[in-house]
Protein backbone atom coordinates (compact mmCIF):
# COMPACT_ATOMS: atom_id res chain seq x y z
CA UNK A 1 0.00 0.02 0.01
CA UNK A 2 1.41 3.39 -0.90
CA UNK A 3 1.74 6.30 1.51
CA UNK A 4 -1.06 8.28 -0.06
CA UNK A 5 -3.54 5.47 0.36
CA UNK A 6 -2.45 5.01 4.02
CA UNK A 7 -3.09 8.71 4.65
CA UNK A 8 -6.50 8.52 2.92
CA UNK A 9 -7.54 5.55 5.07
CA UNK A 10 -6.48 7.35 8.24
CA UNK A 11 -8.84 10.19 7.42
CA UNK A 12 -11.70 7.74 7.42
CA UNK A 13 -11.08 6.41 10.89
CA UNK A 14 -11.99 8.38 13.97
CA UNK A 15 -8.91 9.45 16.03
CA UNK A 16 -6.54 7.96 13.47
CA UNK A 17 -3.29 9.45 12.37
CA UNK A 18 -1.00 8.17 9.60
CA UNK A 19 2.68 8.27 10.57
CA UNK A 20 4.96 7.20 7.69
CA UNK A 21 8.67 6.84 8.31
CA UNK A 22 11.01 7.87 5.50
CA UNK A 23 13.53 5.26 6.74
CA UNK A 24 11.27 2.43 7.70
CA UNK A 25 9.71 -0.13 5.46
CA UNK A 26 7.15 -2.85 6.31
CA UNK A 27 8.43 -3.17 9.88
CA UNK A 28 9.12 0.40 11.12
CA UNK A 29 9.25 -0.90 14.70
CA UNK A 30 12.43 -2.80 13.71
CA UNK A 31 13.84 -0.59 10.95
CA UNK A 32 13.63 2.72 12.80
CA UNK A 33 12.95 2.03 16.50
CA UNK A 34 13.57 5.56 17.74
CA UNK A 35 11.10 7.08 15.26
CA UNK A 36 8.49 4.34 15.83
CA UNK A 37 8.43 4.67 19.61
CA UNK A 38 8.50 8.50 19.47
CA UNK A 39 5.44 8.45 17.19
CA UNK A 40 3.66 5.76 19.23
CA UNK A 41 4.24 7.47 22.61
CA UNK A 42 3.14 10.83 21.11
CA UNK A 43 -0.03 9.31 19.75
CA UNK A 44 -0.90 7.60 23.02
CA UNK A 45 -0.25 10.78 25.03
CA UNK A 46 -2.67 12.70 22.77
CA UNK A 47 -5.33 10.13 23.44
CA UNK A 48 -4.87 10.03 27.20
């Protein structure tokens, strides 16, 4: 799935946000751990 489609889908889901890493691939949590956890923690803090 391309980045544009991922962004479009995120607009259709309540409280969703598309976060697309420029260095990650299919497994951003492994490919770019610092970016992944920074995005994840930021997202969770916004929803708390």
